Protein backbone atom coordinates (compact mmCIF):
# COMPACT_ATOMS: atom_id res chain seq x y z
CA MET A 1 0.00 0.00 0.00
CA PRO A 2 1.56 3.33 -0.98
CA PHE A 3 1.99 6.03 1.60
CA LEU A 4 0.94 9.62 1.03
CA LEU A 5 3.27 12.57 1.33
CA ALA A 6 0.23 14.80 1.73
CA PRO A 7 -2.60 12.73 3.23
CA ASN A 8 -6.22 13.46 2.36
CA ILE A 9 -5.47 15.75 -0.56
CA PRO A 10 -7.51 14.73 -3.60
CA GLY A 11 -5.35 14.13 -6.64
CA VAL A 12 -2.05 13.93 -4.75
CA ARG A 13 -0.70 10.45 -5.31
CA GLY A 14 1.07 8.35 -2.74
CA LEU A 15 4.54 7.07 -3.50
CA ALA A 16 5.24 3.37 -3.15
CA PRO A 17 8.37 2.74 -1.03
CA GLY A 18 11.36 1.72 -3.12
CA ILE A 19 9.70 2.18 -6.52
CA CYS A 20 8.56 5.76 -6.42
CA HIS A 21 8.86 8.49 -8.99
CA MET A 22 9.51 11.75 -7.25
CA LEU A 23 8.12 14.75 -9.09
CA THR A 24 10.83 16.93 -7.57
CA ASP A 25 14.56 16.30 -7.66
CA THR A 26 15.87 18.43 -4.81
CA LEU A 27 19.51 19.44 -4.48
CA ILE A 28 20.34 20.76 -1.01
CA GLU A 29 23.20 23.21 -1.41
CA ASP A 30 22.66 24.85 2.02
CA SER A 31 22.38 22.19 4.74
CA ARG A 32 19.88 24.26 6.75
CA TRP A 33 17.29 23.22 4.16
CA GLN A 34 17.53 19.61 5.40
CA GLU A 35 16.31 20.61 8.86
CA ALA A 36 13.58 22.75 7.25
CA GLY A 37 12.35 19.68 5.35
CA LEU A 38 12.64 21.24 1.89
CA GLU A 39 12.63 17.94 0.00
CA ASP A 40 9.27 16.81 1.45
CA LEU A 41 7.74 20.30 1.36
CA ALA A 42 8.72 20.77 -2.30
CA GLU A 43 7.39 17.35 -3.31
CA THR A 44 4.07 17.85 -1.54
CA ALA A 45 3.57 21.40 -2.83
CA ALA A 46 4.49 20.51 -6.42
CA GLN A 47 2.24 17.44 -6.45
CA ALA A 48 -0.67 19.45 -5.06
CA ALA A 49 -0.19 22.23 -7.63
CA LEU A 50 -0.12 19.84 -10.59
CA ALA A 51 -3.02 17.74 -9.30
CA HIS A 52 -5.12 20.88 -8.73
CA LEU A 53 -4.59 21.81 -12.37
CA GLY A 54 -5.51 18.33 -13.61
CA LEU A 55 -1.96 17.28 -14.46
CA ASP A 56 -0.58 13.89 -13.46
CA PRO A 57 2.51 14.50 -11.31
CA ALA A 58 3.97 11.18 -12.53
CA ASP A 59 4.35 12.73 -16.00
CA TRP A 60 6.64 15.55 -14.84
CA GLU A 61 9.95 16.33 -13.16
CA ILE A 62 11.02 19.57 -11.49
CA ALA A 63 14.53 20.34 -10.25
CA VAL A 64 14.64 22.26 -6.95
CA LEU A 65 17.77 23.93 -5.56
CA GLY A 66 17.81 24.75 -1.85
CA CYS A 67 20.44 27.47 -1.57
CA ASP A 68 21.41 30.51 0.48
CA ASP A 69 20.95 34.22 -0.19
CA ALA A 70 24.42 34.61 -1.73
CA ARG A 71 23.74 31.91 -4.33
CA ILE A 72 20.27 33.17 -5.21
CA ALA A 73 21.60 36.74 -5.49
CA ALA A 74 24.14 35.50 -8.04
CA LEU A 75 21.42 33.65 -9.95
CA ASN A 76 19.15 36.69 -9.78
CA ALA A 77 21.97 38.86 -11.17
CA ASP A 78 22.80 36.38 -13.94
CA PHE A 79 19.25 35.75 -15.12
CA ARG A 80 17.29 38.87 -14.18
CA GLY A 81 19.94 41.58 -13.89
CA LYS A 82 19.02 42.12 -10.22
CA PRO A 83 22.09 41.47 -8.02
CA GLN A 84 20.23 40.98 -4.74
CA PRO A 85 18.64 38.02 -3.00
CA THR A 86 15.04 37.05 -3.61
CA ASN A 87 12.94 34.31 -2.07
CA VAL A 88 12.43 32.04 -5.09
CA LEU A 89 13.33 31.90 -8.78
CA SER A 90 11.95 29.66 -11.50
CA TRP A 91 13.01 28.71 -15.01
CA PRO A 92 10.26 27.07 -17.07
CA GLU A 93 11.23 24.52 -19.68
CA ASP A 94 8.62 25.98 -22.07
CA ASP A 95 6.88 29.35 -22.31
CA LEU A 96 3.24 28.57 -21.55
CA ALA A 97 2.17 32.13 -20.71
CA PRO A 98 -1.05 33.27 -22.38
CA ASP A 99 -1.17 36.44 -24.49
CA THR A 100 -4.52 37.56 -23.06
CA PRO A 101 -4.38 39.10 -19.55
CA GLY A 102 -6.21 36.96 -17.01
CA ALA A 103 -6.40 33.90 -19.29
CA ARG A 104 -5.35 30.51 -17.98
CA PRO A 105 -2.07 29.29 -19.43
CA ALA A 106 -2.19 26.44 -21.92
CA PRO A 107 -1.36 23.08 -20.35
CA PRO A 108 2.08 21.64 -21.05
CA GLY A 109 2.49 19.71 -24.30
CA PRO A 110 1.34 16.16 -24.96
CA GLU A 111 4.86 14.70 -24.95
CA ALA A 112 4.56 13.87 -21.24
CA GLY A 113 3.33 10.40 -20.46
CA ALA A 114 3.99 9.22 -24.01
CA GLY A 115 6.02 6.25 -22.78
CA GLN A 116 9.24 8.23 -22.70
CA GLY A 117 9.20 8.81 -18.96
CA PRO A 118 8.57 12.08 -17.15
CA SER A 119 9.15 15.38 -18.97
CA HIS A 120 11.11 18.21 -17.38
CA LEU A 121 8.80 21.06 -16.38
CA GLY A 122 11.54 23.43 -15.22
CA ASP A 123 13.85 24.45 -12.39
CA ILE A 124 13.31 26.26 -9.09
CA ALA A 125 15.82 27.84 -6.67
CA ILE A 126 14.79 28.90 -3.17
CA ALA A 127 16.86 30.94 -0.69
CA TYR A 128 17.02 29.92 2.97
CA GLU A 129 17.69 33.23 4.73
CA THR A 130 15.12 35.20 2.75
CA CYS A 131 12.42 32.56 3.30
CA GLN A 132 13.09 32.39 7.03
CA ARG A 133 13.15 36.19 7.38
CA GLU A 134 9.90 36.62 5.43
CA ALA A 135 8.16 33.92 7.48
CA SER A 136 9.33 35.55 10.71
CA GLU A 137 8.23 39.03 9.59
CA ALA A 138 4.80 37.70 8.59
CA ALA A 139 4.51 35.62 11.79
CA ILE A 140 3.74 32.44 9.84
CA PRO A 141 5.29 28.99 10.13
CA PRO A 142 8.34 28.68 7.87
CA ALA A 143 6.96 25.43 6.41
CA ASP A 144 3.80 27.26 5.29
CA HIS A 145 5.83 30.02 3.65
CA ILE A 146 8.13 27.53 1.91
CA THR A 147 5.09 25.59 0.68
CA HIS A 148 3.56 28.80 -0.66
CA LEU A 149 6.76 29.75 -2.49
CA ILE A 150 7.09 26.31 -4.09
CA VAL A 151 3.44 26.41 -5.25
CA HIS A 152 4.09 29.94 -6.57
CA ALA A 153 7.20 28.79 -8.46
CA VAL A 154 5.47 25.72 -9.91
CA LEU A 155 2.71 27.98 -11.23
CA HIS A 156 5.39 30.12 -12.90
CA LEU A 157 6.73 26.94 -14.55
CA LEU A 158 3.21 26.39 -15.88
CA GLY A 159 2.90 29.87 -17.41
CA TYR A 160 1.23 31.79 -14.58
CA ASP A 161 2.54 35.27 -13.80
CA HIS A 162 1.74 38.32 -11.69
CA ILE A 163 3.02 41.25 -13.75
CA ARG A 164 -0.37 42.23 -15.23
CA ASP A 165 -3.20 42.79 -12.73
CA LYS A 166 -5.57 40.20 -14.22
CA ASP A 167 -2.79 37.61 -14.34
CA ALA A 168 -1.86 38.37 -10.73
CA THR A 169 -5.48 37.89 -9.63
CA LEU A 170 -5.69 34.52 -11.39
CA MET A 171 -2.34 33.37 -10.01
CA GLU A 172 -3.18 34.41 -6.44
CA GLN A 173 -6.61 32.72 -6.59
CA THR A 174 -5.00 29.54 -7.88
CA GLU A 175 -2.32 29.63 -5.17
CA VAL A 176 -4.90 30.16 -2.43
CA ALA A 177 -6.99 27.21 -3.68
CA ILE A 178 -3.96 24.89 -3.76
CA LEU A 179 -2.68 26.06 -0.37
CA GLY A 180 -6.15 25.59 1.12
CA LYS A 181 -6.02 21.92 0.11
CA LEU A 182 -2.70 21.68 1.94
CA GLY A 183 -4.04 23.34 5.08
CA VAL A 184 -2.03 26.52 4.54
CA ARG A 185 -3.90 29.76 5.18
CA ASP A 186 -4.34 32.45 2.54
CA PRO A 187 -1.00 34.31 2.34
CA TYR A 188 -2.62 37.36 0.75
């Protein structure tokens, strides 16, 4: 009988011991992430996000980097021209963003699940110090904030964004719905 990483969440699949496919492949670069439980939090959040959107988590892989503020500042400088730390960054494999403000992004292509194994959805990096500071300032459990940021980043991988007002509204509503299924209160 498989066990569930996130019990009682419709659409989130359990993983059979020894034969499981993990949706997330987490690299812990800063050891403080091990104590924070990043690997399990990322897996649960990513599975919940995909299941909520009707995607089978078994068809996808996401790489997650648990790093520190110095590393994410370097990544932020390299990829966004902003040489300061941020909480989370994401790099989608494909551009799924809609042209129309407030429209749902197109689902990822049909190549997933075509017998070739899981398809790569994209990469995420998350910074320890920034996440801990933000959770402390907002007086919320760090695990809840980390879960929110992973859900947020997964939605970016799927074409969601928050630059235009209508897109931001859709993304926030989707995040809140997913987080609610995980027992995490509305962060907005």
